PDB file of N, CA and C in Angstrom:
ATOM      1  N   MET A   1     -19.768 -68.115  58.128  1.00  0.00           N
ATOM      2  CA  MET A   1     -19.171 -66.829  57.795  1.00  0.00           C
ATOM      3  C   MET A   1     -19.344 -65.845  58.877  1.00  0.00           C
ATOM      4  N   GLY A   2     -19.828 -66.178  60.004  1.00  0.00           N
ATOM      5  CA  GLY A   2     -20.049 -65.200  61.059  1.00  0.00           C
ATOM      6  C   GLY A   2     -21.110 -64.170  60.674  1.00  0.00           C
ATOM      7  N   GLY A   3     -21.078 -63.035  61.234  1.00  0.00           N
ATOM      8  CA  GLY A   3     -22.043 -61.988  60.924  1.00  0.00           C
ATOM      9  C   GLY A   3     -21.541 -60.971  59.972  1.00  0.00           C
ATOM     10  N   GLU A   4     -20.230 -61.044  59.604  1.00  0.00           N
ATOM     11  CA  GLU A   4     -19.677 -60.056  58.718  1.00  0.00           C
ATOM     12  C   GLU A   4     -19.749 -60.480  57.260  1.00  0.00           C
ATOM     13  N   THR A   5     -20.257 -59.560  56.445  1.00  0.00           N
ATOM     14  CA  THR A   5     -20.318 -59.845  55.012  1.00  0.00           C
ATOM     15  C   THR A   5     -19.567 -58.702  54.269  1.00  0.00           C
ATOM     16  N   LEU A   6     -18.700 -59.082  53.445  1.00  0.00           N
ATOM     17  CA  LEU A   6     -17.956 -58.091  52.611  1.00  0.00           C
ATOM     18  C   LEU A   6     -18.529 -58.089  51.236  1.00  0.00           C
ATOM     19  N   LEU A   7     -19.050 -56.948  50.843  1.00  0.00           N
ATOM     20  CA  LEU A   7     -19.606 -56.743  49.533  1.00  0.00           C
ATOM     21  C   LEU A   7     -18.590 -56.097  48.594  1.00  0.00           C
ATOM     22  N   ALA A   8     -18.532 -56.570  47.393  1.00  0.00           N
ATOM     23  CA  ALA A   8     -17.624 -56.005  46.379  1.00  0.00           C
ATOM     24  C   ALA A   8     -18.234 -54.724  45.812  1.00  0.00           C
ATOM     25  N   SER A   9     -17.391 -53.805  45.500  1.00  0.00           N
ATOM     26  CA  SER A   9     -17.847 -52.516  44.987  1.00  0.00           C
ATOM     27  C   SER A   9     -17.868 -52.620  43.447  1.00  0.00           C
ATOM     28  N   LYS A  10     -18.418 -51.557  42.847  1.00  0.00           N
ATOM     29  CA  LYS A  10     -18.470 -51.532  41.359  1.00  0.00           C
ATOM     30  C   LYS A  10     -17.076 -51.378  40.792  1.00  0.00           C
ATOM     31  N   TRP A  11     -16.185 -50.796  41.558  1.00  0.00           N
ATOM     32  CA  TRP A  11     -14.818 -50.644  41.080  1.00  0.00           C
ATOM     33  C   TRP A  11     -14.065 -51.964  40.934  1.00  0.00           C
ATOM     34  N   ASP A  12     -14.417 -52.926  41.812  1.00  0.00           N
ATOM     35  CA  ASP A  12     -13.793 -54.202  41.718  1.00  0.00           C
ATOM     36  C   ASP A  12     -13.997 -54.906  40.396  1.00  0.00           C
ATOM     37  N   ALA A  13     -15.210 -54.800  39.840  1.00  0.00           N
ATOM     38  CA  ALA A  13     -15.503 -55.368  38.532  1.00  0.00           C
ATOM     39  C   ALA A  13     -14.669 -54.668  37.404  1.00  0.00           C
ATOM     40  N   GLY A  14     -14.529 -53.381  37.529  1.00  0.00           N
ATOM     41  CA  GLY A  14     -13.721 -52.605  36.568  1.00  0.00           C
ATOM     42  C   GLY A  14     -12.281 -52.993  36.617  1.00  0.00           C
ATOM     43  N   VAL A  15     -11.748 -53.150  37.844  1.00  0.00           N
ATOM     44  CA  VAL A  15     -10.351 -53.566  38.038  1.00  0.00           C
ATOM     45  C   VAL A  15     -10.141 -54.931  37.446  1.00  0.00           C
ATOM     46  N   ASP A  16     -11.087 -55.849  37.714  1.00  0.00           N
ATOM     47  CA  ASP A  16     -10.985 -57.238  37.123  1.00  0.00           C
ATOM     48  C   ASP A  16     -10.978 -57.195  35.592  1.00  0.00           C
ATOM     49  N   VAL A  17     -11.768 -56.392  35.018  1.00  0.00           N
ATOM     50  CA  VAL A  17     -11.843 -56.310  33.524  1.00  0.00           C
ATOM     51  C   VAL A  17     -10.452 -55.776  33.010  1.00  0.00           C
ATOM     52  N   VAL A  18      -9.940 -54.717  33.639  1.00  0.00           N
ATOM     53  CA  VAL A  18      -8.673 -54.204  33.150  1.00  0.00           C
ATOM     54  C   VAL A  18      -7.582 -55.218  33.347  1.00  0.00           C
ATOM     55  N   ARG A  19      -7.567 -55.952  34.461  1.00  0.00           N
ATOM     56  CA  ARG A  19      -6.550 -56.990  34.739  1.00  0.00           C
ATOM     57  C   ARG A  19      -6.709 -58.135  33.694  1.00  0.00           C
ATOM     58  N   PHE A  20      -7.951 -58.450  33.345  1.00  0.00           N
ATOM     59  CA  PHE A  20      -8.164 -59.484  32.352  1.00  0.00           C
ATOM     60  C   PHE A  20      -7.613 -59.095  30.980  1.00  0.00           C
ATOM     61  N   LEU A  21      -7.855 -57.818  30.610  1.00  0.00           N
ATOM     62  CA  LEU A  21      -7.325 -57.334  29.336  1.00  0.00           C
ATOM     63  C   LEU A  21      -5.793 -57.186  29.375  1.00  0.00           C
ATOM     64  N   TRP A  22      -5.260 -56.784  30.476  1.00  0.00           N
ATOM     65  CA  TRP A  22      -3.832 -56.670  30.601  1.00  0.00           C
ATOM     66  C   TRP A  22      -3.143 -58.030  30.380  1.00  0.00           C
ATOM     67  N   VAL A  23      -3.748 -59.041  30.958  1.00  0.00           N
ATOM     68  CA  VAL A  23      -3.200 -60.412  30.742  1.00  0.00           C
ATOM     69  C   VAL A  23      -3.290 -60.814  29.331  1.00  0.00           C
ATOM     70  N   GLY A  24      -4.407 -60.485  28.682  1.00  0.00           N
ATOM     71  CA  GLY A  24      -4.600 -60.822  27.268  1.00  0.00           C
ATOM     72  C   GLY A  24      -3.712 -60.095  26.320  1.00  0.00           C
ATOM     73  N   LEU A  25      -3.295 -58.853  26.673  1.00  0.00           N
ATOM     74  CA  LEU A  25      -2.559 -58.043  25.761  1.00  0.00           C
ATOM     75  C   LEU A  25      -1.056 -58.052  26.024  1.00  0.00           C
ATOM     76  N   PHE A  26      -0.668 -57.966  27.346  1.00  0.00           N
ATOM     77  CA  PHE A  26       0.712 -57.659  27.631  1.00  0.00           C
ATOM     78  C   PHE A  26       1.424 -58.719  28.479  1.00  0.00           C
ATOM     79  N   SER A  27       0.842 -59.833  28.659  1.00  0.00           N
ATOM     80  CA  SER A  27       1.504 -60.792  29.525  1.00  0.00           C
ATOM     81  C   SER A  27       2.441 -61.679  28.701  1.00  0.00           C
ATOM     82  N   SER A  28       3.183 -62.495  29.387  1.00  0.00           N
ATOM     83  CA  SER A  28       4.142 -63.375  28.731  1.00  0.00           C
ATOM     84  C   SER A  28       3.524 -64.766  28.474  1.00  0.00           C
ATOM     85  N   LEU A  29       2.245 -64.820  28.379  1.00  0.00           N
ATOM     86  CA  LEU A  29       1.551 -66.100  28.064  1.00  0.00           C
ATOM     87  C   LEU A  29       1.847 -66.498  26.594  1.00  0.00           C
ATOM     88  N   PRO A  30       1.759 -67.794  26.304  1.00  0.00           N
ATOM     89  CA  PRO A  30       1.857 -68.164  24.887  1.00  0.00           C
ATOM     90  C   PRO A  30       0.774 -67.528  24.037  1.00  0.00           C
ATOM     91  N   ALA A  31       0.999 -67.403  22.814  1.00  0.00           N
ATOM     92  CA  ALA A  31       0.054 -66.760  21.908  1.00  0.00           C
ATOM     93  C   ALA A  31      -1.338 -67.393  21.958  1.00  0.00           C
ATOM     94  N   TRP A  32      -1.420 -68.706  22.003  1.00  0.00           N
ATOM     95  CA  TRP A  32      -2.713 -69.378  22.023  1.00  0.00           C
ATOM     96  C   TRP A  32      -3.518 -68.970  23.307  1.00  0.00           C
ATOM     97  N   ALA A  33      -2.818 -68.811  24.403  1.00  0.00           N
ATOM     98  CA  ALA A  33      -3.518 -68.478  25.635  1.00  0.00           C
ATOM     99  C   ALA A  33      -3.978 -66.982  25.576  1.00  0.00           C
ATOM    100  N   ARG A  34      -3.130 -66.116  25.074  1.00  0.00           N
ATOM    101  CA  ARG A  34      -3.515 -64.673  24.942  1.00  0.00           C
ATOM    102  C   ARG A  34      -4.741 -64.533  24.015  1.00  0.00           C
ATOM    103  N   TYR A  35      -4.709 -65.253  22.878  1.00  0.00           N
ATOM    104  CA  TYR A  35      -5.792 -65.151  22.006  1.00  0.00           C
ATOM    105  C   TYR A  35      -7.094 -65.717  22.577  1.00  0.00           C
ATOM    106  N   THR A  36      -6.967 -66.725  23.385  1.00  0.00           N
ATOM    107  CA  THR A  36      -8.115 -67.267  24.063  1.00  0.00           C
ATOM    108  C   THR A  36      -8.702 -66.231  25.029  1.00  0.00           C
ATOM    109  N   VAL A  37      -7.875 -65.584  25.833  1.00  0.00           N
ATOM    110  CA  VAL A  37      -8.348 -64.558  26.720  1.00  0.00           C
ATOM    111  C   VAL A  37      -9.032 -63.393  25.999  1.00  0.00           C
ATOM    112  N   LEU A  38      -8.399 -62.935  24.901  1.00  0.00           N
ATOM    113  CA  LEU A  38      -8.968 -61.884  24.158  1.00  0.00           C
ATOM    114  C   LEU A  38     -10.305 -62.286  23.457  1.00  0.00           C
ATOM    115  N   ALA A  39     -10.352 -63.524  23.034  1.00  0.00           N
ATOM    116  CA  ALA A  39     -11.572 -64.015  22.387  1.00  0.00           C
ATOM    117  C   ALA A  39     -12.721 -64.133  23.404  1.00  0.00           C
ATOM    118  N   LEU A  40     -12.420 -64.579  24.610  1.00  0.00           N
ATOM    119  CA  LEU A  40     -13.420 -64.626  25.678  1.00  0.00           C
ATOM    120  C   LEU A  40     -13.981 -63.205  25.986  1.00  0.00           C
ATOM    121  N   PHE A  41     -13.039 -62.294  26.064  1.00  0.00           N
ATOM    122  CA  PHE A  41     -13.511 -60.884  26.324  1.00  0.00           C
ATOM    123  C   PHE A  41     -14.369 -60.388  25.173  1.00  0.00           C
ATOM    124  N   GLY A  42     -13.924 -60.599  23.942  1.00  0.00           N
ATOM    125  CA  GLY A  42     -14.695 -60.162  22.809  1.00  0.00           C
ATOM    126  C   GLY A  42     -16.067 -60.801  22.687  1.00  0.00           C
ATOM    127  N   LEU A  43     -16.165 -62.056  22.974  1.00  0.00           N
ATOM    128  CA  LEU A  43     -17.408 -62.770  22.989  1.00  0.00           C
ATOM    129  C   LEU A  43     -18.337 -62.245  24.071  1.00  0.00           C
ATOM    130  N   THR A  44     -17.797 -61.923  25.234  1.00  0.00           N
ATOM    131  CA  THR A  44     -18.609 -61.330  26.315  1.00  0.00           C
ATOM    132  C   THR A  44     -19.172 -59.954  25.889  1.00  0.00           C
ATOM    133  N   VAL A  45     -18.379 -59.144  25.258  1.00  0.00           N
ATOM    134  CA  VAL A  45     -18.804 -57.850  24.786  1.00  0.00           C
ATOM    135  C   VAL A  45     -19.931 -57.990  23.716  1.00  0.00           C
ATOM    136  N   VAL A  46     -19.720 -58.879  22.759  1.00  0.00           N
ATOM    137  CA  VAL A  46     -20.721 -59.170  21.713  1.00  0.00           C
ATOM    138  C   VAL A  46     -22.044 -59.675  22.297  1.00  0.00           C
ATOM    139  N   TYR A  47     -21.895 -60.619  23.287  1.00  0.00           N
ATOM    140  CA  TYR A  47     -23.133 -61.179  23.881  1.00  0.00           C
ATOM    141  C   TYR A  47     -23.861 -60.098  24.668  1.00  0.00           C
ATOM    142  N   GLY A  48     -23.162 -59.269  25.345  1.00  0.00           N
ATOM    143  CA  GLY A  48     -23.826 -58.171  26.059  1.00  0.00           C
ATOM    144  C   GLY A  48     -24.545 -57.202  25.115  1.00  0.00           C
ATOM    145  N   PHE A  49     -23.877 -56.882  23.998  1.00  0.00           N
ATOM    146  CA  PHE A  49     -24.463 -55.964  23.024  1.00  0.00           C
ATOM    147  C   PHE A  49     -25.725 -56.613  22.415  1.00  0.00           C
ATOM    148  N   VAL A  50     -25.634 -57.847  22.045  1.00  0.00           N
ATOM    149  CA  VAL A  50     -26.773 -58.519  21.411  1.00  0.00           C
ATOM    150  C   VAL A  50     -27.957 -58.665  22.377  1.00  0.00           C
ATOM    151  N   SER A  51     -27.626 -58.949  23.647  1.00  0.00           N
ATOM    152  CA  SER A  51     -28.697 -59.009  24.671  1.00  0.00           C
ATOM    153  C   SER A  51     -29.350 -57.662  24.879  1.00  0.00           C
ATOM    154  N   TRP A  52     -28.553 -56.577  24.834  1.00  0.00           N
ATOM    155  CA  TRP A  52     -29.069 -55.269  24.972  1.00  0.00           C
ATOM    156  C   TRP A  52     -29.984 -54.890  23.792  1.00  0.00           C
ATOM    157  N   LEU A  53     -29.554 -55.264  22.589  1.00  0.00           N
ATOM    158  CA  LEU A  53     -30.376 -55.017  21.388  1.00  0.00           C
ATOM    159  C   LEU A  53     -31.697 -55.736  21.480  1.00  0.00           C
ATOM    160  N   ARG A  54     -31.647 -57.048  21.880  1.00  0.00           N
ATOM    161  CA  ARG A  54     -32.894 -57.872  21.966  1.00  0.00           C
ATOM    162  C   ARG A  54     -33.877 -57.295  22.996  1.00  0.00           C
ATOM    163  N   SER A  55     -33.344 -56.847  24.144  1.00  0.00           N
ATOM    164  CA  SER A  55     -34.260 -56.294  25.121  1.00  0.00           C
ATOM    165  C   SER A  55     -34.780 -54.954  24.704  1.00  0.00           C
ATOM    166  N   ARG A  56     -33.956 -54.168  23.981  1.00  0.00           N
ATOM    167  CA  ARG A  56     -34.422 -52.902  23.498  1.00  0.00           C
ATOM    168  C   ARG A  56     -35.522 -53.033  22.441  1.00  0.00           C
ATOM    169  N   SER A  57     -35.349 -54.003  21.542  1.00  0.00           N
ATOM    170  CA  SER A  57     -36.337 -54.174  20.463  1.00  0.00           C
ATOM    171  C   SER A  57     -37.585 -54.851  20.966  1.00  0.00           C
ATOM    172  N   SER A  58     -37.534 -55.680  22.030  1.00  0.00           N
ATOM    173  CA  SER A  58     -38.740 -56.318  22.526  1.00  0.00           C
ATOM    174  C   SER A  58     -39.563 -55.335  23.323  1.00  0.00           C
ATOM    175  N   SER A  59     -39.014 -54.282  23.865  1.00  0.00           N
ATOM    176  CA  SER A  59     -39.821 -53.327  24.669  1.00  0.00           C
ATOM    177  C   SER A  59     -40.265 -52.145  23.788  1.00  0.00           C
ATOM    178  N   ALA A  60     -39.890 -52.069  22.541  1.00  0.00           N
ATOM    179  CA  ALA A  60     -40.242 -50.950  21.671  1.00  0.00           C
ATOM    180  C   ALA A  60     -41.713 -51.034  21.353  1.00  0.00           C
ATOM    181  N   PRO A  61     -42.435 -49.899  21.513  1.00  0.00           N
ATOM    182  CA  PRO A  61     -43.879 -49.901  21.146  1.00  0.00           C
ATOM    183  C   PRO A  61     -44.060 -49.917  19.635  1.00  0.00           C
ATOM    184  N   GLU A  62     -45.156 -50.533  19.220  1.00  0.00           N
ATOM    185  CA  GLU A  62     -45.444 -50.615  17.794  1.00  0.00           C
ATOM    186  C   GLU A  62     -45.873 -49.249  17.245  1.00  0.00           C
ATOM    187  N   ALA A  63     -45.676 -49.050  15.961  1.00  0.00           N
ATOM    188  CA  ALA A  63     -46.144 -47.804  15.373  1.00  0.00           C
ATOM    189  C   ALA A  63     -47.620 -47.707  15.382  1.00  0.00           C
ATOM    190  N   GLU A  64     -48.192 -46.526  15.354  1.00  0.00           N
ATOM    191  CA  GLU A  64     -49.610 -46.396  15.428  1.00  0.00           C
ATOM    192  C   GLU A  64     -50.410 -46.997  14.243  1.00  0.00           C
ATOM    193  N   GLY A  65     -49.906 -46.887  13.097  1.00  0.00           N
ATOM    194  CA  GLY A  65     -50.567 -47.422  11.887  1.00  0.00           C
ATOM    195  C   GLY A  65     -50.236 -48.910  11.673  1.00  0.00           C
ATOM    196  N   ALA A  66     -49.404 -49.479  12.414  1.00  0.00           N
ATOM    197  CA  ALA A  66     -48.945 -50.829  12.108  1.00  0.00           C
ATOM    198  C   ALA A  66     -49.692 -51.946  12.913  1.00  0.00           C
ATOM    199  N   GLU A  67     -50.665 -51.533  13.631  1.00  0.00           N
ATOM    200  CA  GLU A  67     -51.403 -52.545  14.466  1.00  0.00           C
ATOM    201  C   GLU A  67     -52.238 -53.389  13.536  1.00  0.00           C
ATOM    202  N   GLU A  68     -52.191 -54.735  13.841  1.00  0.00           N
ATOM    203  CA  GLU A  68     -52.988 -55.672  13.018  1.00  0.00           C
ATOM    204  C   GLU A  68     -54.316 -55.774  13.612  1.00  0.00           C
ATOM    205  N   SER A  69     -55.287 -56.049  12.797  1.00  0.00           N
ATOM    206  CA  SER A  69     -56.650 -56.202  13.239  1.00  0.00           C
ATOM    207  C   SER A  69     -56.944 -57.684  13.418  1.00  0.00           C
ATOM    208  N   ASP A  70     -57.764 -58.044  14.422  1.00  0.00           N
ATOM    209  CA  ASP A  70     -58.139 -59.409  14.583  1.00  0.00           C
ATOM    210  C   ASP A  70     -59.147 -59.859  13.549  1.00  0.00           C
ATOM    211  N   GLU A  71     -59.771 -58.943  12.867  1.00  0.00           N
ATOM    212  CA  GLU A  71     -60.799 -59.279  11.887  1.00  0.00           C
ATOM    213  C   GLU A  71     -60.186 -59.950  10.668  1.00  0.00           C
ATOM    214  N   THR A  72     -58.946 -59.712  10.339  1.00  0.00           N
ATOM    215  CA  THR A  72     -58.325 -60.270   9.127  1.00  0.00           C
ATOM    216  C   THR A  72     -57.826 -61.687   9.394  1.00  0.00           C
ATOM    217  N   LEU A  73     -57.751 -62.137  10.632  1.00  0.00           N
ATOM    218  CA  LEU A  73     -57.279 -63.451  10.915  1.00  0.00           C
ATOM    219  C   LEU A  73     -58.418 -64.452  11.022  1.00  0.00           C
ATOM    220  N   GLN A  74     -58.181 -65.672  10.514  1.00  0.00           N
ATOM    221  CA  GLN A  74     -59.163 -66.712  10.682  1.00  0.00           C
ATOM    222  C   GLN A  74     -58.906 -67.352  12.031  1.00  0.00           C
ATOM    223  N   ARG A  75     -59.869 -68.143  12.502  1.00  0.00           N
ATOM    224  CA  ARG A  75     -59.757 -68.704  13.821  1.00  0.00           C
ATOM    225  C   ARG A  75     -58.614 -69.721  13.919  1.00  0.00           C
ATOM    226  N   ASP A  76     -58.309 -70.479  12.876  1.00  0.00           N
ATOM    227  CA  ASP A  76     -57.311 -71.495  12.969  1.00  0.00           C
ATOM    228  C   ASP A  76     -55.905 -70.940  12.686  1.00  0.00           C
ATOM    229  N   GLU A  77     -55.752 -69.649  12.404  1.00  0.00           N
ATOM    230  CA  GLU A  77     -54.441 -69.092  12.205  1.00  0.00           C
ATOM    231  C   GLU A  77     -53.963 -68.382  13.475  1.00  0.00           C
ATOM    232  N   THR A  78     -52.684 -68.345  13.654  1.00  0.00           N
ATOM    233  CA  THR A  78     -52.129 -67.645  14.762  1.00  0.00           C
ATOM    234  C   THR A  78     -51.253 -66.517  14.305  1.00  0.00           C
ATOM    235  N   ARG A  79     -51.072 -65.522  15.142  1.00  0.00           N
ATOM    236  CA  ARG A  79     -50.242 -64.381  14.745  1.00  0.00           C
ATOM    237  C   ARG A  79     -48.760 -64.793  14.778  1.00  0.00           C
ATOM    238  N   VAL A  80     -48.025 -64.331  13.841  1.00  0.00           N
ATOM    239  CA  VAL A  80     -46.574 -64.579  13.772  1.00  0.00           C
ATOM    240  C   VAL A  80     -45.929 -63.217  13.532  1.00  0.00           C
ATOM    241  N   ARG A  81     -45.010 -62.902  14.416  1.00  0.00           N
ATOM    242  CA  ARG A  81     -44.281 -61.627  14.271  1.00  0.00           C
ATOM    243  C   ARG A  81     -42.981 -61.820  13.573  1.00  0.00           C
TER     244      ARG A  81
END
């Protein structure tokens, strides 16, 4: 590749998303292909939202009064959240 490297900008990703949706909504593709494109986009959005929720809930601090004490657990039991 020589010494030159071309980096994509943030706008390239946005343009690609708009182009992807344009194909899914307004192209002359058969219905099954358009629905596949739209389903892939929808699944990507849902996956991103679920991933965001999981990371948000895993980093949330516990409430002050909700801490469990080690005294109530027996040695052969493990904590389950």
